[in-house]
Amino acid sequence: MGQGFSPAIAGLKACPTDPQFMTTSENDTTQPPPEGAPEKGKGPGRIVFLLLSLACFAYLYFRLNGAAAREGLSLVDYMVQVFTGVQWGSWILLMVAYSGFYFLIDTLVATKAITWFVTPIKYADILPIRASAYIISIFNEQIGKGAMAYYLNKRHQVPGWEVGSVMLFIMFSEVFYLLTWAMVGFAFSGGDLPDAFGLIPYISAGAAVIFVLWLLYFQGTLLPSNTLRDKPIFHAFKTARLKHYVGFLLLRSPALLAAVAVYTVALQLFGVEASFLSLLGYLPVIFFAAAVPTPMRAAAITFWVILFPENEGQMAAFGFVQHNFFILFNALFGVAFWRRAQRELFGE
C-alpha cells in the first residue's frame, strides 16, 4: 500500500552503516557506536508505541463488543457472522489483481528514481530485488528499501550512499504524494468527511511551505554556504528538480487511483456501501498511517471503524484482512523471485 508508504529514514540504517556497503567520503565522520552499546531513546519509544497499540486494540474491542451486544450475540459469534457474510472468492481475485498491479508500478517508480539520480538501470533488473524486499517489508517497509540499496550496491556496484539517497527521496516524496491526493479527495468530498479531516488543508499548506524551502535549500538558493547538502546521503535531493517530484507523483498515482477503485468494490463485498470520492479522501490518510511502523498500522485498522461507525464488525474485519493480505501477497512475489535474487547477489 504504499502503502507506502506510504511514512522513516531510520529503516535505512541497517544497510548504509555496513562497512562493506559504504563508500568513503571526506565529509563522512560518522563512527559506529561501540559494540554492545544501547541505542539511545529506544526504550521509551517502544513503550509509547506499545501503549498506543494497546489503546487501538482496546478501542476496537469495546466497539465490537458493544455491536455484538446490540445484536444479542457474543463477540465471537458476531465476528463469525461478519466473516461468513463476505464474498471471499470475488475479494481474493480482486486483491490478487490489485497486488500485481501495485508491484509493477512500485518497481517502475524505483527504476525511474535510480535512473534519474544514480545510473540507468533496466526494469527487469529491479524486479527480483523489489519483490524480495517485500518479504522484509512484512516487518518494516523502510528496511525493505534499505535491502534494495544493499542489493544494487553489491550487484551493480552502485555507490551505497547514493542508492540510499534514492530510497530517501522515494520515502520523502511518498509523504507529499499522499498529501496531494488527500487534498484532492478533500476538495471533492470534504463536506462528507469526518471533522478531523478538516485539518488536511492546513497540514497540506504547511507541507507545501516545507517542500518549497526544501527544494530551494538543495538547489543552493537557500543557505548557499551550508555544506550539509553535499553529503553523499543527500545526493538525490541535490540532483532533484521540480520535474522529478512531479514525475514521481505521476508515476505513483495510478496505484493510488487503482486502490480507490479496488477498495470501493472490496467494501461492497464486505456488505458496506462507499463512494469512490469519499475513499479518495480517506485512503491517502489511511495509507500514510499504514506505511509508518507500529503503532500506526494498528491505527490504520482502527481508522476504518471510526470512518464507518455503523458497520463496526465489517470494518474491523475489512481493515485487518485488507492490510494484511496485501502485505502477505506481496511477500509471495518475493518468494517467487527469491532464488533469482540470491543467484544475482551471491552467485548461488
Protein backbone atom coordinates (compact mmCIF):
# COMPACT_ATOMS: atom_id res chain seq x y z
CA MET A 1 0.00 0.00 0.00
CA GLY A 2 2.20 2.21 -0.42
CA GLN A 3 1.45 1.99 1.41
CA GLY A 4 4.00 3.05 1.43
CA PHE A 5 4.40 4.31 2.49
CA SER A 6 3.19 5.14 2.21
CA PRO A 7 5.70 7.21 6.08
CA ALA A 8 11.05 6.84 8.33
CA ILE A 9 14.65 7.21 7.33
CA ALA A 10 15.66 5.14 10.33
CA GLY A 11 14.85 1.99 8.43
CA LEU A 12 17.85 2.53 6.18
CA LYS A 13 20.37 2.33 8.98
CA ALA A 14 20.68 -1.44 8.71
CA CYS A 15 22.35 -1.25 5.32
CA PRO A 16 24.28 2.02 4.87
CA THR A 17 26.21 1.53 8.12
CA ASP A 18 27.56 -1.84 6.93
CA PRO A 19 31.29 -1.23 6.24
CA GLN A 20 31.07 -3.33 3.05
CA PHE A 21 28.17 -1.19 1.88
CA MET A 22 29.62 2.27 2.47
CA THR A 23 31.56 4.47 0.11
CA THR A 24 34.21 6.71 1.61
CA SER A 25 33.75 10.45 1.76
CA GLU A 26 35.91 13.22 3.14
CA ASN A 27 32.79 14.69 4.68
CA ASP A 28 31.78 11.48 6.40
CA THR A 29 32.92 11.46 10.01
CA THR A 30 30.26 9.15 11.37
CA GLN A 31 31.62 6.46 13.67
CA PRO A 32 29.66 3.33 14.57
CA PRO A 33 28.66 3.00 18.22
CA PRO A 34 30.75 0.70 20.43
CA GLU A 35 29.75 -2.92 20.23
CA GLY A 36 27.01 -3.72 22.70
CA ALA A 37 26.18 -0.06 23.33
CA PRO A 38 22.45 0.52 23.85
CA GLU A 39 20.61 2.59 21.29
CA LYS A 40 19.52 5.87 22.87
CA GLY A 41 15.84 6.64 23.08
CA LYS A 42 14.67 3.21 22.02
CA GLY A 43 13.20 2.12 25.37
CA PRO A 44 10.73 5.00 25.92
CA GLY A 45 9.77 4.98 22.24
CA ARG A 46 8.91 1.30 22.32
CA ILE A 47 6.81 1.76 25.45
CA VAL A 48 4.85 4.59 23.82
CA PHE A 49 4.33 2.50 20.66
CA LEU A 50 3.12 -0.43 22.76
CA LEU A 51 0.71 1.73 24.75
CA LEU A 52 -0.73 3.32 21.61
CA SER A 53 -1.16 -0.10 20.01
CA LEU A 54 -2.91 -1.40 23.11
CA ALA A 55 -5.16 1.68 23.10
CA CYS A 56 -6.14 1.00 19.47
CA PHE A 57 -6.98 -2.64 20.15
CA ALA A 58 -8.83 -1.76 23.36
CA TYR A 59 -10.93 0.71 21.38
CA LEU A 60 -11.68 -1.96 18.78
CA TYR A 61 -12.60 -4.50 21.44
CA PHE A 62 -15.11 -2.25 23.18
CA ARG A 63 -16.64 -1.08 19.89
CA LEU A 64 -17.04 -4.63 18.63
CA ASN A 65 -18.26 -5.96 21.94
CA GLY A 66 -20.89 -3.22 22.02
CA ALA A 67 -22.00 -4.02 18.47
CA ALA A 68 -22.26 -7.72 19.35
CA ALA A 69 -24.35 -6.94 22.45
CA ARG A 70 -26.79 -4.89 20.36
CA GLU A 71 -27.24 -7.94 18.13
CA GLY A 72 -27.75 -10.19 21.14
CA LEU A 73 -24.62 -12.21 20.27
CA SER A 74 -21.29 -12.97 21.87
CA LEU A 75 -18.30 -11.24 20.35
CA VAL A 76 -17.06 -14.48 18.77
CA ASP A 77 -20.46 -15.30 17.24
CA TYR A 78 -20.80 -11.73 15.98
CA MET A 79 -17.44 -11.80 14.20
CA VAL A 80 -18.12 -15.27 12.76
CA GLN A 81 -21.34 -13.87 11.32
CA VAL A 82 -19.41 -10.94 9.83
CA PHE A 83 -16.76 -13.14 8.21
CA THR A 84 -19.27 -15.60 6.78
CA GLY A 85 -21.10 -12.73 5.10
CA VAL A 86 -18.10 -11.71 2.97
CA GLN A 87 -17.89 -12.70 -0.72
CA TRP A 88 -14.40 -14.14 -0.28
CA GLY A 89 -13.88 -15.58 -3.77
CA SER A 90 -14.51 -12.29 -5.54
CA TRP A 91 -12.50 -10.40 -2.92
CA ILE A 92 -9.41 -12.61 -3.33
CA LEU A 93 -9.46 -12.30 -7.12
CA LEU A 94 -9.79 -8.52 -6.81
CA MET A 95 -6.91 -8.24 -4.35
CA VAL A 96 -4.61 -10.54 -6.34
CA ALA A 97 -5.09 -8.35 -9.41
CA TYR A 98 -4.50 -5.16 -7.40
CA SER A 99 -1.38 -6.52 -5.67
CA GLY A 100 0.12 -7.46 -9.03
CA PHE A 101 -0.63 -4.02 -10.49
CA TYR A 102 0.86 -2.29 -7.45
CA PHE A 103 4.02 -4.41 -7.72
CA LEU A 104 4.54 -3.34 -11.33
CA ILE A 105 4.00 0.35 -10.54
CA ASP A 106 6.19 0.20 -7.42
CA THR A 107 9.03 -1.35 -9.41
CA LEU A 108 8.65 1.27 -12.15
CA VAL A 109 8.96 4.09 -9.60
CA ALA A 110 12.15 2.59 -8.13
CA THR A 111 13.64 2.02 -11.60
CA LYS A 112 12.98 5.60 -12.71
CA ALA A 113 14.30 7.13 -9.49
CA ILE A 114 17.57 5.18 -9.70
CA THR A 115 17.91 6.11 -13.37
CA TRP A 116 17.29 9.79 -12.61
CA PHE A 117 19.80 10.14 -9.79
CA VAL A 118 22.38 7.36 -9.99
CA THR A 119 22.69 5.28 -13.16
CA PRO A 120 20.46 3.91 -15.93
CA ILE A 121 19.13 0.51 -14.92
CA LYS A 122 16.74 -1.93 -16.52
CA TYR A 123 13.26 -2.54 -15.17
CA ALA A 124 13.86 -6.30 -15.28
CA ASP A 125 16.97 -5.89 -13.09
CA ILE A 126 14.94 -4.26 -10.31
CA LEU A 127 12.03 -6.74 -10.35
CA PRO A 128 13.69 -9.55 -8.33
CA ILE A 129 15.02 -7.36 -5.51
CA ARG A 130 11.88 -5.20 -5.34
CA ALA A 131 9.86 -8.40 -4.99
CA SER A 132 12.27 -9.94 -2.48
CA ALA A 133 12.25 -6.75 -0.40
CA TYR A 134 8.52 -7.24 0.15
CA ILE A 135 9.40 -10.20 2.40
CA ILE A 136 11.39 -7.89 4.68
CA SER A 137 8.66 -5.26 4.41
CA ILE A 138 6.34 -7.53 6.38
CA PHE A 139 8.23 -6.21 9.39
CA ASN A 140 9.26 -2.75 8.17
CA GLU A 141 8.78 -1.08 4.79
CA GLN A 142 11.81 1.18 5.19
CA ILE A 143 14.17 -1.72 5.93
CA GLY A 144 12.87 -3.30 2.72
CA LYS A 145 14.04 -0.23 0.84
CA GLY A 146 17.40 -0.48 2.60
CA ALA A 147 17.71 -4.06 1.33
CA MET A 148 17.21 -2.76 -2.22
CA ALA A 149 20.04 -0.30 -1.70
CA TYR A 150 22.33 -3.09 -0.48
CA TYR A 151 21.43 -5.28 -3.48
CA LEU A 152 22.18 -2.52 -6.00
CA ASN A 153 25.50 -1.81 -4.34
CA LYS A 154 26.57 -5.47 -4.39
CA ARG A 155 25.11 -6.44 -7.75
CA HIS A 156 25.65 -3.30 -9.85
CA GLN A 157 28.46 -1.60 -7.91
CA VAL A 158 26.33 1.48 -7.41
CA PRO A 159 27.74 3.65 -4.58
CA GLY A 160 25.87 2.69 -1.44
CA TRP A 161 25.20 6.15 -0.05
CA GLU A 162 23.88 7.36 -3.41
CA VAL A 163 21.40 4.48 -3.65
CA GLY A 164 20.44 5.14 -0.05
CA SER A 165 19.72 8.72 -1.03
CA VAL A 166 17.37 7.49 -3.76
CA MET A 167 15.46 5.41 -1.21
CA LEU A 168 15.21 8.52 0.99
CA PHE A 169 13.92 10.50 -1.99
CA ILE A 170 11.21 7.90 -2.57
CA MET A 171 10.14 7.90 1.09
CA PHE A 172 10.17 11.71 1.26
CA SER A 173 8.20 12.06 -1.96
CA GLU A 174 5.68 9.47 -0.76
CA VAL A 175 4.57 11.81 2.02
CA PHE A 176 3.86 14.68 -0.36
CA TYR A 177 2.25 12.39 -2.91
CA LEU A 178 -0.21 11.15 -0.29
CA LEU A 179 -0.89 14.67 0.98
CA THR A 180 -1.54 15.84 -2.59
CA TRP A 181 -4.15 13.15 -3.13
CA ALA A 182 -5.61 13.77 0.33
CA MET A 183 -6.16 17.39 -0.75
CA VAL A 184 -7.79 16.24 -4.00
CA GLY A 185 -10.10 13.94 -2.06
CA PHE A 186 -10.89 16.71 0.42
CA ALA A 187 -11.70 19.14 -2.40
CA PHE A 188 -14.24 16.71 -3.88
CA SER A 189 -15.81 15.30 -0.72
CA GLY A 190 -14.70 17.45 2.22
CA GLY A 191 -18.29 18.01 3.36
CA ASP A 192 -18.84 14.26 3.75
CA LEU A 193 -15.60 13.55 5.61
CA PRO A 194 -15.25 13.44 9.43
CA ASP A 195 -14.48 16.78 11.10
CA ALA A 196 -10.88 15.71 11.83
CA PHE A 197 -10.20 15.69 8.09
CA GLY A 198 -10.70 19.46 8.13
CA LEU A 199 -7.04 19.64 9.21
CA ILE A 200 -5.92 18.36 5.81
CA PRO A 201 -5.81 21.80 4.09
CA TYR A 202 -3.74 23.26 6.93
CA ILE A 203 -1.36 20.29 7.03
CA SER A 204 -1.01 20.41 3.25
CA ALA A 205 -0.33 24.17 3.31
CA GLY A 206 2.39 23.67 5.91
CA ALA A 207 3.85 20.77 3.91
CA ALA A 208 3.87 22.95 0.76
CA VAL A 209 5.93 25.60 2.56
CA ILE A 210 8.35 22.94 3.81
CA PHE A 211 8.62 21.49 0.30
CA VAL A 212 9.47 24.87 -1.26
CA LEU A 213 12.12 25.56 1.38
CA TRP A 214 13.48 22.03 0.93
CA LEU A 215 13.75 22.47 -2.83
CA LEU A 216 15.41 25.90 -2.52
CA TYR A 217 17.91 24.58 0.01
CA PHE A 218 19.04 21.60 -2.03
CA GLN A 219 19.29 23.69 -5.20
CA GLY A 220 21.67 26.02 -3.34
CA THR A 221 19.41 29.09 -3.32
CA LEU A 222 18.71 28.95 0.41
CA LEU A 223 21.74 28.89 2.78
CA PRO A 224 24.24 28.62 -0.10
CA SER A 225 27.26 28.31 2.20
CA ASN A 226 25.84 25.37 4.15
CA THR A 227 27.60 22.11 3.19
CA LEU A 228 25.13 19.57 4.61
CA ARG A 229 23.57 19.19 1.15
CA ASP A 230 26.92 17.93 -0.16
CA LYS A 231 26.80 14.76 1.95
CA PRO A 232 26.51 11.62 -0.24
CA ILE A 233 23.30 10.56 1.52
CA PHE A 234 21.61 13.70 0.10
CA HIS A 235 22.84 13.13 -3.46
CA ALA A 236 19.35 12.51 -4.88
CA PHE A 237 17.89 15.61 -3.24
CA LYS A 238 20.73 17.78 -4.52
CA THR A 239 20.24 16.44 -8.05
CA ALA A 240 16.44 16.50 -8.00
CA ARG A 241 14.50 19.28 -9.68
CA LEU A 242 10.80 20.06 -9.51
CA LYS A 243 10.18 17.90 -12.58
CA HIS A 244 11.45 14.82 -10.70
CA TYR A 245 8.97 15.32 -7.86
CA VAL A 246 6.17 15.85 -10.37
CA GLY A 247 7.37 12.76 -12.25
CA PHE A 248 7.20 10.73 -9.03
CA LEU A 249 3.64 11.92 -8.43
CA LEU A 250 2.56 10.97 -11.95
CA LEU A 251 4.25 7.56 -11.86
CA ARG A 252 2.90 6.62 -8.45
CA SER A 253 -0.65 7.97 -8.91
CA PRO A 254 -2.06 5.06 -10.99
CA ALA A 255 -1.52 2.80 -7.96
CA LEU A 256 -3.49 5.17 -5.71
CA LEU A 257 -6.36 5.57 -8.16
CA ALA A 258 -6.49 1.81 -8.66
CA ALA A 259 -6.56 1.38 -4.88
CA VAL A 260 -9.52 3.73 -4.54
CA ALA A 261 -11.47 1.74 -7.16
CA VAL A 262 -10.46 -1.61 -5.64
CA TYR A 263 -11.31 -0.58 -2.07
CA THR A 264 -14.68 0.79 -3.18
CA VAL A 265 -15.57 -2.59 -4.70
CA ALA A 266 -13.97 -4.53 -1.83
CA LEU A 267 -16.11 -2.70 0.72
CA GLN A 268 -19.22 -3.73 -1.20
CA LEU A 269 -18.05 -7.35 -0.99
CA PHE A 270 -17.97 -6.88 2.80
CA GLY A 271 -21.52 -5.52 2.69
CA VAL A 272 -20.61 -1.84 3.14
CA GLU A 273 -21.56 0.91 0.69
CA ALA A 274 -18.96 3.59 -0.04
CA SER A 275 -18.37 6.06 -2.86
CA PHE A 276 -15.23 6.48 -4.95
CA LEU A 277 -14.95 10.15 -3.95
CA SER A 278 -15.23 9.51 -0.22
CA LEU A 279 -12.49 6.87 -0.40
CA LEU A 280 -10.34 9.29 -2.39
CA GLY A 281 -10.38 11.41 0.76
CA TYR A 282 -9.88 8.51 3.18
CA LEU A 283 -7.28 6.30 1.55
CA PRO A 284 -4.26 8.64 1.33
CA VAL A 285 -4.53 9.27 5.08
CA ILE A 286 -5.00 5.58 5.89
CA PHE A 287 -2.14 4.56 3.59
CA PHE A 288 0.11 7.07 5.27
CA ALA A 289 -0.75 5.58 8.67
CA ALA A 290 -0.23 2.03 7.39
CA ALA A 291 3.18 2.92 5.93
CA VAL A 292 4.51 4.02 9.32
CA PRO A 293 5.77 1.25 11.63
CA THR A 294 3.71 0.19 14.67
CA PRO A 295 1.62 1.63 16.29
CA MET A 296 0.28 3.33 13.18
CA ARG A 297 -0.50 0.02 11.49
CA ALA A 298 -2.87 -0.71 14.36
CA ALA A 299 -4.25 2.81 13.98
CA ALA A 300 -4.81 2.24 10.26
CA ILE A 301 -7.12 -0.68 11.05
CA THR A 302 -8.87 1.37 13.74
CA PHE A 303 -9.50 4.22 11.26
CA TRP A 304 -11.91 2.06 9.27
CA VAL A 305 -14.14 1.53 12.31
CA ILE A 306 -14.06 5.26 13.09
CA LEU A 307 -14.90 6.20 9.49
CA PHE A 308 -17.80 3.73 9.19
CA PRO A 309 -19.20 3.59 12.76
CA GLU A 310 -22.45 1.96 11.70
CA ASN A 311 -20.58 -1.14 10.43
CA GLU A 312 -18.12 -1.87 13.25
CA GLY A 313 -17.78 -5.60 12.64
CA GLN A 314 -17.47 -5.40 8.86
CA MET A 315 -14.95 -2.57 9.05
CA ALA A 316 -12.77 -4.24 11.69
CA ALA A 317 -12.67 -7.38 9.55
CA PHE A 318 -12.07 -5.33 6.41
CA GLY A 319 -9.24 -3.27 7.90
CA PHE A 320 -7.50 -6.36 9.24
CA VAL A 321 -7.67 -8.63 6.19
CA GLN A 322 -7.24 -5.88 3.59
CA HIS A 323 -4.00 -4.61 5.02
CA ASN A 324 -2.50 -7.97 5.95
CA PHE A 325 -3.49 -9.76 2.74
CA PHE A 326 -1.80 -7.02 0.72
CA ILE A 327 1.43 -7.35 2.69
CA LEU A 328 1.44 -11.16 2.65
CA PHE A 329 0.53 -11.49 -1.02
CA ASN A 330 3.28 -9.04 -1.97
CA ALA A 331 5.64 -11.23 0.04
CA LEU A 332 4.61 -14.14 -2.22
CA PHE A 333 6.01 -12.15 -5.14
CA GLY A 334 9.22 -12.05 -3.13
CA VAL A 335 9.17 -15.84 -2.69
CA ALA A 336 8.71 -16.26 -6.46
CA PHE A 337 11.76 -14.08 -7.19
CA TRP A 338 13.84 -15.15 -4.18
CA ARG A 339 16.04 -17.71 -5.93
CA ARG A 340 16.84 -15.32 -8.76
CA ALA A 341 17.75 -12.56 -6.30
CA GLN A 342 20.02 -14.99 -4.43
CA ARG A 343 21.78 -16.07 -7.64
CA GLU A 344 22.38 -12.49 -8.72
CA LEU A 345 23.59 -11.39 -5.31
CA PHE A 346 25.54 -14.40 -4.07
CA GLY A 347 26.05 -16.48 -7.22
CA GLU A 348 24.11 -19.41 -5.69
